[in-house]
Full PDB file with SEQRES, HELIX, SHEET, SSBOND, CRYST1, ORIGX, SCALE, CONECT and MASTER records, all heavy atoms in Angstrom:
SEQRES   1 A   32  LEU LYS PHE TRP GLU ILE TYR LEU GLN GLN GLU GLN GLN          
SEQRES   2 A   32  ILE PHE LYS SER GLN ALA THR GLU HIS ALA THR GLN LEU          
SEQRES   3 A   32  ALA LYS GLU ASN VAL LYS                                      
HELIX    1 AA1 LYS A    2  VAL A   31  1                                  30    
CRYST1    1.000    1.000    1.000  90.00  90.00  90.00 P 1           1          
ORIGX1      1.000000  0.000000  0.000000        0.00000                         
ORIGX2      0.000000  1.000000  0.000000        0.00000                         
ORIGX3      0.000000  0.000000  1.000000        0.00000                         
SCALE1      1.000000  0.000000  0.000000        0.00000                         
SCALE2      0.000000  1.000000  0.000000        0.00000                         
SCALE3      0.000000  0.000000  1.000000        0.00000                         
ATOM      1  N   LEU A   1      15.360   1.975  17.986  1.00  0.00           N  
ATOM      2  CA  LEU A   1      14.985   3.130  17.173  1.00  0.00           C  
ATOM      3  C   LEU A   1      15.302   2.881  15.709  1.00  0.00           C  
ATOM      4  O   LEU A   1      14.487   3.196  14.822  1.00  0.00           O  
ATOM      5  CB  LEU A   1      15.725   4.372  17.675  1.00  0.00           C  
ATOM      6  CG  LEU A   1      15.437   5.683  16.931  1.00  0.00           C  
ATOM      7  CD1 LEU A   1      13.993   6.109  17.131  1.00  0.00           C  
ATOM      8  CD2 LEU A   1      16.379   6.785  17.403  1.00  0.00           C  
ATOM      9  N   LYS A   2      16.468   2.291  15.418  1.00  0.00           N  
ATOM     10  CA  LYS A   2      16.821   1.963  14.048  1.00  0.00           C  
ATOM     11  C   LYS A   2      15.856   0.924  13.471  1.00  0.00           C  
ATOM     12  O   LYS A   2      15.445   1.013  12.311  1.00  0.00           O  
ATOM     13  CB  LYS A   2      18.264   1.440  13.995  1.00  0.00           C  
ATOM     14  CG  LYS A   2      19.306   2.499  14.305  1.00  0.00           C  
ATOM     15  CD  LYS A   2      19.222   3.651  13.319  1.00  0.00           C  
ATOM     16  CE  LYS A   2      20.225   4.738  13.617  1.00  0.00           C  
ATOM     17  NZ  LYS A   2      20.079   5.901  12.691  1.00  0.00           N  
ATOM     18  N   PHE A   3      15.526  -0.085  14.306  1.00  0.00           N  
ATOM     19  CA  PHE A   3      14.559  -1.092  13.866  1.00  0.00           C  
ATOM     20  C   PHE A   3      13.219  -0.450  13.553  1.00  0.00           C  
ATOM     21  O   PHE A   3      12.553  -0.803  12.569  1.00  0.00           O  
ATOM     22  CB  PHE A   3      14.392  -2.157  14.954  1.00  0.00           C  
ATOM     23  CG  PHE A   3      13.241  -3.099  14.696  1.00  0.00           C  
ATOM     24  CD1 PHE A   3      13.379  -4.163  13.813  1.00  0.00           C  
ATOM     25  CD2 PHE A   3      12.017  -2.916  15.328  1.00  0.00           C  
ATOM     26  CE1 PHE A   3      12.319  -5.029  13.570  1.00  0.00           C  
ATOM     27  CE2 PHE A   3      10.949  -3.766  15.088  1.00  0.00           C  
ATOM     28  CZ  PHE A   3      11.105  -4.825  14.199  1.00  0.00           C  
ATOM     29  N   TRP A   4      12.796   0.520  14.373  1.00  0.00           N  
ATOM     30  CA  TRP A   4      11.525   1.212  14.180  1.00  0.00           C  
ATOM     31  C   TRP A   4      11.517   1.949  12.847  1.00  0.00           C  
ATOM     32  O   TRP A   4      10.525   1.930  12.113  1.00  0.00           O  
ATOM     33  CB  TRP A   4      11.335   2.191  15.335  1.00  0.00           C  
ATOM     34  CG  TRP A   4       9.924   2.670  15.523  1.00  0.00           C  
ATOM     35  CD1 TRP A   4       8.905   2.637  14.626  1.00  0.00           C  
ATOM     36  CD2 TRP A   4       9.385   3.251  16.710  1.00  0.00           C  
ATOM     37  NE1 TRP A   4       7.766   3.171  15.162  1.00  0.00           N  
ATOM     38  CE2 TRP A   4       8.034   3.554  16.445  1.00  0.00           C  
ATOM     39  CE3 TRP A   4       9.906   3.558  17.957  1.00  0.00           C  
ATOM     40  CZ2 TRP A   4       7.206   4.138  17.384  1.00  0.00           C  
ATOM     41  CZ3 TRP A   4       9.077   4.145  18.898  1.00  0.00           C  
ATOM     42  CH2 TRP A   4       7.748   4.423  18.613  1.00  0.00           C  
ATOM     43  N   GLU A   5      12.617   2.611  12.520  1.00  0.00           N  
ATOM     44  CA  GLU A   5      12.701   3.328  11.252  1.00  0.00           C  
ATOM     45  C   GLU A   5      12.554   2.377  10.064  1.00  0.00           C  
ATOM     46  O   GLU A   5      11.854   2.670   9.100  1.00  0.00           O  
ATOM     47  CB  GLU A   5      14.029   4.076  11.167  1.00  0.00           C  
ATOM     48  CG  GLU A   5      14.154   5.236  12.154  1.00  0.00           C  
ATOM     49  CD  GLU A   5      15.496   5.905  12.079  1.00  0.00           C  
ATOM     50  OE1 GLU A   5      16.418   5.307  11.469  1.00  0.00           O  
ATOM     51  OE2 GLU A   5      15.650   7.013  12.613  1.00  0.00           O  
ATOM     52  N   ILE A   6      13.247   1.221  10.165  1.00  0.00           N  
ATOM     53  CA  ILE A   6      13.167   0.227   9.088  1.00  0.00           C  
ATOM     54  C   ILE A   6      11.747  -0.312   8.971  1.00  0.00           C  
ATOM     55  O   ILE A   6      11.215  -0.466   7.861  1.00  0.00           O  
ATOM     56  CB  ILE A   6      14.166  -0.915   9.344  1.00  0.00           C  
ATOM     57  CG1 ILE A   6      15.603  -0.383   9.293  1.00  0.00           C  
ATOM     58  CG2 ILE A   6      13.978  -2.037   8.326  1.00  0.00           C  
ATOM     59  CD1 ILE A   6      16.643  -1.389   9.729  1.00  0.00           C  
ATOM     60  N   TYR A   7      11.127  -0.599  10.112  1.00  0.00           N  
ATOM     61  CA  TYR A   7       9.762  -1.120  10.109  1.00  0.00           C  
ATOM     62  C   TYR A   7       8.800  -0.135   9.444  1.00  0.00           C  
ATOM     63  O   TYR A   7       7.979  -0.517   8.589  1.00  0.00           O  
ATOM     64  CB  TYR A   7       9.298  -1.400  11.542  1.00  0.00           C  
ATOM     65  CG  TYR A   7       7.813  -1.681  11.636  1.00  0.00           C  
ATOM     66  CD1 TYR A   7       7.309  -2.951  11.380  1.00  0.00           C  
ATOM     67  CD2 TYR A   7       6.911  -0.660  11.946  1.00  0.00           C  
ATOM     68  CE1 TYR A   7       5.951  -3.207  11.435  1.00  0.00           C  
ATOM     69  CE2 TYR A   7       5.555  -0.898  11.999  1.00  0.00           C  
ATOM     70  CZ  TYR A   7       5.079  -2.174  11.755  1.00  0.00           C  
ATOM     71  OH  TYR A   7       3.731  -2.416  11.804  1.00  0.00           O  
ATOM     72  N   LEU A   8       8.897   1.135   9.816  1.00  0.00           N  
ATOM     73  CA  LEU A   8       7.983   2.130   9.251  1.00  0.00           C  
ATOM     74  C   LEU A   8       8.188   2.285   7.746  1.00  0.00           C  
ATOM     75  O   LEU A   8       7.222   2.423   6.989  1.00  0.00           O  
ATOM     76  CB  LEU A   8       8.189   3.477   9.943  1.00  0.00           C  
ATOM     77  CG  LEU A   8       7.526   3.647  11.314  1.00  0.00           C  
ATOM     78  CD1 LEU A   8       7.856   5.009  11.893  1.00  0.00           C  
ATOM     79  CD2 LEU A   8       6.023   3.468  11.219  1.00  0.00           C  
ATOM     80  N   GLN A   9       9.442   2.258   7.332  1.00  0.00           N  
ATOM     81  CA  GLN A   9       9.718   2.383   5.901  1.00  0.00           C  
ATOM     82  C   GLN A   9       9.105   1.221   5.129  1.00  0.00           C  
ATOM     83  O   GLN A   9       8.468   1.420   4.083  1.00  0.00           O  
ATOM     84  CB  GLN A   9      11.225   2.446   5.666  1.00  0.00           C  
ATOM     85  CG  GLN A   9      11.595   2.693   4.209  1.00  0.00           C  
ATOM     86  CD  GLN A   9      13.084   2.809   4.011  1.00  0.00           C  
ATOM     87  OE1 GLN A   9      13.867   2.468   4.890  1.00  0.00           O  
ATOM     88  NE2 GLN A   9      13.498   3.290   2.856  1.00  0.00           N  
ATOM     89  N   GLN A  10       9.273   0.004   5.660  1.00  0.00           N  
ATOM     90  CA  GLN A  10       8.707  -1.156   4.994  1.00  0.00           C  
ATOM     91  C   GLN A  10       7.179  -1.134   5.041  1.00  0.00           C  
ATOM     92  O   GLN A  10       6.516  -1.460   4.040  1.00  0.00           O  
ATOM     93  CB  GLN A  10       9.235  -2.443   5.660  1.00  0.00           C  
ATOM     94  CG  GLN A  10      10.728  -2.654   5.506  1.00  0.00           C  
ATOM     95  CD  GLN A  10      11.155  -2.719   4.053  1.00  0.00           C  
ATOM     96  OE1 GLN A  10      10.497  -3.366   3.234  1.00  0.00           O  
ATOM     97  NE2 GLN A  10      12.260  -2.058   3.721  1.00  0.00           N  
ATOM     98  N   GLU A  11       6.610  -0.758   6.169  1.00  0.00           N  
ATOM     99  CA  GLU A  11       5.153  -0.700   6.287  1.00  0.00           C  
ATOM    100  C   GLU A  11       4.555   0.305   5.310  1.00  0.00           C  
ATOM    101  O   GLU A  11       3.522   0.051   4.678  1.00  0.00           O  
ATOM    102  CB  GLU A  11       4.749  -0.338   7.718  1.00  0.00           C  
ATOM    103  CG  GLU A  11       3.242  -0.335   7.935  1.00  0.00           C  
ATOM    104  CD  GLU A  11       2.854   0.228   9.278  1.00  0.00           C  
ATOM    105  OE1 GLU A  11       2.989   1.458   9.468  1.00  0.00           O  
ATOM    106  OE2 GLU A  11       2.413  -0.546  10.141  1.00  0.00           O  
ATOM    107  N   GLN A  12       5.207   1.443   5.183  1.00  0.00           N  
ATOM    108  CA  GLN A  12       4.706   2.472   4.283  1.00  0.00           C  
ATOM    109  C   GLN A  12       4.803   2.039   2.822  1.00  0.00           C  
ATOM    110  O   GLN A  12       3.904   2.313   2.025  1.00  0.00           O  
ATOM    111  CB  GLN A  12       5.482   3.774   4.527  1.00  0.00           C  
ATOM    112  CG  GLN A  12       5.146   4.409   5.861  1.00  0.00           C  
ATOM    113  CD  GLN A  12       6.138   5.496   6.257  1.00  0.00           C  
ATOM    114  OE1 GLN A  12       7.124   5.740   5.564  1.00  0.00           O  
ATOM    115  NE2 GLN A  12       5.891   6.134   7.382  1.00  0.00           N  
ATOM    116  N   GLN A  13       5.894   1.362   2.468  1.00  0.00           N  
ATOM    117  CA  GLN A  13       6.020   0.874   1.094  1.00  0.00           C  
ATOM    118  C   GLN A  13       4.960  -0.186   0.786  1.00  0.00           C  
ATOM    119  O   GLN A  13       4.339  -0.162  -0.283  1.00  0.00           O  
ATOM    120  CB  GLN A  13       7.426   0.298   0.889  1.00  0.00           C  
ATOM    121  CG  GLN A  13       8.531   1.342   0.880  1.00  0.00           C  
ATOM    122  CD  GLN A  13       9.902   0.729   0.758  1.00  0.00           C  
ATOM    123  OE1 GLN A  13      10.055  -0.498   0.779  1.00  0.00           O  
ATOM    124  NE2 GLN A  13      10.926   1.562   0.649  1.00  0.00           N  
ATOM    125  N   ILE A  14       4.746  -1.102   1.731  1.00  0.00           N  
ATOM    126  CA  ILE A  14       3.734  -2.140   1.537  1.00  0.00           C  
ATOM    127  C   ILE A  14       2.343  -1.529   1.501  1.00  0.00           C  
ATOM    128  O   ILE A  14       1.489  -1.924   0.694  1.00  0.00           O  
ATOM    129  CB  ILE A  14       3.832  -3.203   2.650  1.00  0.00           C  
ATOM    130  CG1 ILE A  14       5.178  -3.938   2.545  1.00  0.00           C  
ATOM    131  CG2 ILE A  14       2.682  -4.206   2.566  1.00  0.00           C  
ATOM    132  CD1 ILE A  14       5.462  -4.861   3.711  1.00  0.00           C  
ATOM    133  N   PHE A  15       2.092  -0.543   2.369  1.00  0.00           N  
ATOM    134  CA  PHE A  15       0.793   0.122   2.387  1.00  0.00           C  
ATOM    135  C   PHE A  15       0.492   0.786   1.046  1.00  0.00           C  
ATOM    136  O   PHE A  15      -0.615   0.666   0.511  1.00  0.00           O  
ATOM    137  CB  PHE A  15       0.754   1.166   3.503  1.00  0.00           C  
ATOM    138  CG  PHE A  15      -0.539   1.946   3.562  1.00  0.00           C  
ATOM    139  CD1 PHE A  15      -1.618   1.465   4.290  1.00  0.00           C  
ATOM    140  CD2 PHE A  15      -0.685   3.147   2.883  1.00  0.00           C  
ATOM    141  CE1 PHE A  15      -2.809   2.171   4.346  1.00  0.00           C  
ATOM    142  CE2 PHE A  15      -1.867   3.855   2.925  1.00  0.00           C  
ATOM    143  CZ  PHE A  15      -2.940   3.363   3.668  1.00  0.00           C  
ATOM    144  N   LYS A  16       1.490   1.477   0.497  1.00  0.00           N  
ATOM    145  CA  LYS A  16       1.277   2.139  -0.787  1.00  0.00           C  
ATOM    146  C   LYS A  16       1.013   1.125  -1.892  1.00  0.00           C  
ATOM    147  O   LYS A  16       0.141   1.322  -2.744  1.00  0.00           O  
ATOM    148  CB  LYS A  16       2.486   2.996  -1.145  1.00  0.00           C  
ATOM    149  CG  LYS A  16       2.293   3.806  -2.416  1.00  0.00           C  
ATOM    150  CD  LYS A  16       3.437   4.752  -2.669  1.00  0.00           C  
ATOM    151  CE  LYS A  16       3.182   5.583  -3.908  1.00  0.00           C  
ATOM    152  NZ  LYS A  16       4.299   6.528  -4.186  1.00  0.00           N  
ATOM    153  N   SER A  17       1.753   0.017  -1.866  1.00  0.00           N  
ATOM    154  CA  SER A  17       1.551  -1.027  -2.866  1.00  0.00           C  
ATOM    155  C   SER A  17       0.157  -1.637  -2.749  1.00  0.00           C  
ATOM    156  O   SER A  17      -0.559  -1.796  -3.751  1.00  0.00           O  
ATOM    157  CB  SER A  17       2.626  -2.101  -2.705  1.00  0.00           C  
ATOM    158  OG  SER A  17       2.401  -3.177  -3.589  1.00  0.00           O  
ATOM    159  N   GLN A  18      -0.246  -1.978  -1.517  1.00  0.00           N  
ATOM    160  CA  GLN A  18      -1.559  -2.575  -1.307  1.00  0.00           C  
ATOM    161  C   GLN A  18      -2.682  -1.581  -1.613  1.00  0.00           C  
ATOM    162  O   GLN A  18      -3.721  -1.947  -2.179  1.00  0.00           O  
ATOM    163  CB  GLN A  18      -1.682  -3.072   0.143  1.00  0.00           C  
ATOM    164  CG  GLN A  18      -0.794  -4.253   0.476  1.00  0.00           C  
ATOM    165  CD  GLN A  18      -1.237  -5.522  -0.232  1.00  0.00           C  
ATOM    166  OE1 GLN A  18      -2.424  -5.764  -0.401  1.00  0.00           O  
ATOM    167  NE2 GLN A  18      -0.269  -6.325  -0.656  1.00  0.00           N  
ATOM    168  N   ALA A  19      -2.472  -0.317  -1.246  1.00  0.00           N  
ATOM    169  CA  ALA A  19      -3.485   0.705  -1.524  1.00  0.00           C  
ATOM    170  C   ALA A  19      -3.655   0.906  -3.025  1.00  0.00           C  
ATOM    171  O   ALA A  19      -4.779   1.060  -3.521  1.00  0.00           O  
ATOM    172  CB  ALA A  19      -3.093   2.026  -0.850  1.00  0.00           C  
ATOM    173  N   THR A  20      -2.544   0.906  -3.761  1.00  0.00           N  
ATOM    174  CA  THR A  20      -2.617   1.040  -5.219  1.00  0.00           C  
ATOM    175  C   THR A  20      -3.357  -0.138  -5.836  1.00  0.00           C  
ATOM    176  O   THR A  20      -4.212   0.034  -6.718  1.00  0.00           O  
ATOM    177  CB  THR A  20      -1.201   1.150  -5.807  1.00  0.00           C  
ATOM    178  OG1 THR A  20      -0.521   2.260  -5.222  1.00  0.00           O  
ATOM    179  CG2 THR A  20      -1.256   1.337  -7.316  1.00  0.00           C  
ATOM    180  N   GLU A  21      -3.029  -1.336  -5.373  1.00  0.00           N  
ATOM    181  CA  GLU A  21      -3.683  -2.543  -5.891  1.00  0.00           C  
ATOM    182  C   GLU A  21      -5.177  -2.547  -5.577  1.00  0.00           C  
ATOM    183  O   GLU A  21      -6.002  -2.846  -6.442  1.00  0.00           O  
ATOM    184  CB  GLU A  21      -3.013  -3.780  -5.286  1.00  0.00           C  
ATOM    185  CG  GLU A  21      -3.599  -5.094  -5.771  1.00  0.00           C  
ATOM    186  CD  GLU A  21      -2.912  -6.296  -5.142  1.00  0.00           C  
ATOM    187  OE1 GLU A  21      -1.814  -6.126  -4.562  1.00  0.00           O  
ATOM    188  OE2 GLU A  21      -3.486  -7.411  -5.213  1.00  0.00           O  
ATOM    189  N   HIS A  22      -5.522  -2.177  -4.341  1.00  0.00           N  
ATOM    190  CA  HIS A  22      -6.933  -2.171  -3.937  1.00  0.00           C  
ATOM    191  C   HIS A  22      -7.712  -1.100  -4.695  1.00  0.00           C  
ATOM    192  O   HIS A  22      -8.842  -1.338  -5.157  1.00  0.00           O  
ATOM    193  CB  HIS A  22      -7.033  -1.926  -2.429  1.00  0.00           C  
ATOM    194  CG  HIS A  22      -8.421  -2.053  -1.878  1.00  0.00           C  
ATOM    195  ND1 HIS A  22      -8.968  -3.255  -1.485  1.00  0.00           N  
ATOM    196  CD2 HIS A  22      -9.385  -1.116  -1.679  1.00  0.00           C  
ATOM    197  CE1 HIS A  22     -10.209  -3.056  -1.048  1.00  0.00           C  
ATOM    198  NE2 HIS A  22     -10.479  -1.763  -1.154  1.00  0.00           N  
ATOM    199  N   ALA A  23      -7.123   0.100  -4.816  1.00  0.00           N  
ATOM    200  CA  ALA A  23      -7.799   1.184  -5.529  1.00  0.00           C  
ATOM    201  C   ALA A  23      -7.991   0.838  -7.006  1.00  0.00           C  
ATOM    202  O   ALA A  23      -9.035   1.141  -7.597  1.00  0.00           O  
ATOM    203  CB  ALA A  23      -7.000   2.475  -5.387  1.00  0.00           C  
ATOM    204  N   THR A  24      -6.986   0.190  -7.606  1.00  0.00           N  
ATOM    205  CA  THR A  24      -7.094  -0.220  -9.006  1.00  0.00           C  
ATOM    206  C   THR A  24      -8.207  -1.243  -9.187  1.00  0.00           C  
ATOM    207  O   THR A  24      -9.007  -1.161 -10.136  1.00  0.00           O  
ATOM    208  CB  THR A  24      -5.760  -0.801  -9.492  1.00  0.00           C  
ATOM    209  OG1 THR A  24      -4.723   0.177  -9.320  1.00  0.00           O  
ATOM    210  CG2 THR A  24      -5.837  -1.189 -10.961  1.00  0.00           C  
ATOM    211  N   GLN A  25      -8.269  -2.205  -8.275  1.00  0.00           N  
ATOM    212  CA  GLN A  25      -9.299  -3.234  -8.345  1.00  0.00           C  
ATOM    213  C   GLN A  25     -10.697  -2.624  -8.193  1.00  0.00           C  
ATOM    214  O   GLN A  25     -11.625  -2.960  -8.932  1.00  0.00           O  
ATOM    215  CB  GLN A  25      -9.067  -4.278  -7.255  1.00  0.00           C  
ATOM    216  CG  GLN A  25     -10.095  -5.400  -7.243  1.00  0.00           C  
ATOM    217  CD  GLN A  25      -9.850  -6.383  -6.102  1.00  0.00           C  
ATOM    218  OE1 GLN A  25      -8.837  -6.295  -5.411  1.00  0.00           O  
ATOM    219  NE2 GLN A  25     -10.764  -7.313  -5.914  1.00  0.00           N  
ATOM    220  N   LEU A  26     -10.829  -1.710  -7.241  1.00  0.00           N  
ATOM    221  CA  LEU A  26     -12.127  -1.071  -7.014  1.00  0.00           C  
ATOM    222  C   LEU A  26     -12.529  -0.207  -8.206  1.00  0.00           C  
ATOM    223  O   LEU A  26     -13.695  -0.205  -8.628  1.00  0.00           O  
ATOM    224  CB  LEU A  26     -12.067  -0.214  -5.740  1.00  0.00           C  
ATOM    225  CG  LEU A  26     -13.353   0.501  -5.322  1.00  0.00           C  
ATOM    226  CD1 LEU A  26     -14.472  -0.510  -5.049  1.00  0.00           C  
ATOM    227  CD2 LEU A  26     -13.101   1.367  -4.093  1.00  0.00           C  
ATOM    228  N   ALA A  27     -11.565   0.515  -8.771  1.00  0.00           N  
ATOM    229  CA  ALA A  27     -11.854   1.363  -9.926  1.00  0.00           C  
ATOM    230  C   ALA A  27     -12.266   0.520 -11.135  1.00  0.00           C  
ATOM    231  O   ALA A  27     -13.218   0.862 -11.862  1.00  0.00           O  
ATOM    232  CB  ALA A  27     -10.635   2.221 -10.258  1.00  0.00           C  
ATOM    233  N   LYS A  28     -11.560  -0.573 -11.372  1.00  0.00           N  
ATOM    234  CA  LYS A  28     -11.912  -1.453 -12.487  1.00  0.00           C  
ATOM    235  C   LYS A  28     -13.322  -2.011 -12.328  1.00  0.00           C  
ATOM    236  O   LYS A  28     -14.102  -2.069 -13.291  1.00  0.00           O  
ATOM    237  CB  LYS A  28     -10.904  -2.601 -12.577  1.00  0.00           C  
ATOM    238  CG  LYS A  28      -9.551  -2.207 -13.143  1.00  0.00           C  
ATOM    239  CD  LYS A  28      -8.634  -3.429 -13.243  1.00  0.00           C  
ATOM    240  CE  LYS A  28      -7.292  -3.055 -13.872  1.00  0.00           C  
ATOM    241  NZ  LYS A  28      -6.392  -4.221 -13.966  1.00  0.00           N  
ATOM    242  N   GLU A  29     -13.663  -2.425 -11.121  1.00  0.00           N  
ATOM    243  CA  GLU A  29     -14.989  -2.997 -10.872  1.00  0.00           C  
ATOM    244  C   GLU A  29     -16.081  -1.960 -11.101  1.00  0.00           C  
ATOM    245  O   GLU A  29     -17.116  -2.241 -11.720  1.00  0.00           O  
ATOM    246  CB  GLU A  29     -15.056  -3.529  -9.436  1.00  0.00           C  
ATOM    247  CG  GLU A  29     -16.371  -4.205  -9.063  1.00  0.00           C  
ATOM    248  CD  GLU A  29     -16.607  -5.485  -9.849  1.00  0.00           C  
ATOM    249  OE1 GLU A  29     -15.614  -6.094 -10.320  1.00  0.00           O  
ATOM    250  OE2 GLU A  29     -17.782  -5.877  -9.985  1.00  0.00           O  
ATOM    251  N   ASN A  30     -15.870  -0.732 -10.621  1.00  0.00           N  
ATOM    252  CA  ASN A  30     -16.876   0.319 -10.783  1.00  0.00           C  
ATOM    253  C   ASN A  30     -17.051   0.713 -12.252  1.00  0.00           C  
ATOM    254  O   ASN A  30     -18.176   0.910 -12.728  1.00  0.00           O  
ATOM    255  CB  ASN A  30     -16.495   1.544  -9.951  1.00  0.00           C  
ATOM    256  CG  ASN A  30     -16.639   1.298  -8.462  1.00  0.00           C  
ATOM    257  OD1 ASN A  30     -17.451   0.470  -8.041  1.00  0.00           O  
ATOM    258  ND2 ASN A  30     -15.863   2.000  -7.665  1.00  0.00           N  
ATOM    259  N   VAL A  31     -15.934   0.850 -12.977  1.00  0.00           N  
ATOM    260  CA  VAL A  31     -16.019   1.207 -14.396  1.00  0.00           C  
ATOM    261  C   VAL A  31     -16.679   0.090 -15.192  1.00  0.00           C  
ATOM    262  O   VAL A  31     -17.507   0.331 -16.084  1.00  0.00           O  
ATOM    263  CB  VAL A  31     -14.612   1.533 -14.948  1.00  0.00           C  
ATOM    264  CG1 VAL A  31     -14.664   1.730 -16.454  1.00  0.00           C  
ATOM    265  CG2 VAL A  31     -14.048   2.774 -14.280  1.00  0.00           C  
ATOM    266  N   LYS A  32     -16.331  -1.154 -14.877  1.00  0.00           N  
ATOM    267  CA  LYS A  32     -16.915  -2.301 -15.561  1.00  0.00           C  
ATOM    268  C   LYS A  32     -18.431  -2.339 -15.349  1.00  0.00           C  
ATOM    269  O   LYS A  32     -19.199  -2.553 -16.310  1.00  0.00           O  
ATOM    270  CB  LYS A  32     -16.281  -3.588 -15.036  1.00  0.00           C  
ATOM    271  CG  LYS A  32     -16.862  -4.861 -15.631  1.00  0.00           C  
ATOM    272  CD  LYS A  32     -16.199  -6.088 -15.013  1.00  0.00           C  
ATOM    273  CE  LYS A  32     -16.840  -7.362 -15.545  1.00  0.00           C  
ATOM    274  NZ  LYS A  32     -16.239  -8.569 -14.924  1.00  0.00           N  
TER     275      LYS A  32                                                      
MASTER        0    0    0    1    0    0    0    6  274    1    0    3          
END                                                                             
């Protein structure tokens, strides 16, 4: 259960980072 909590926390942080990067890339391409 403790491992699961750590995994979810890390997954969510990575997801937010990747989502921000992907959204920024897509927005730049569309504006360009």
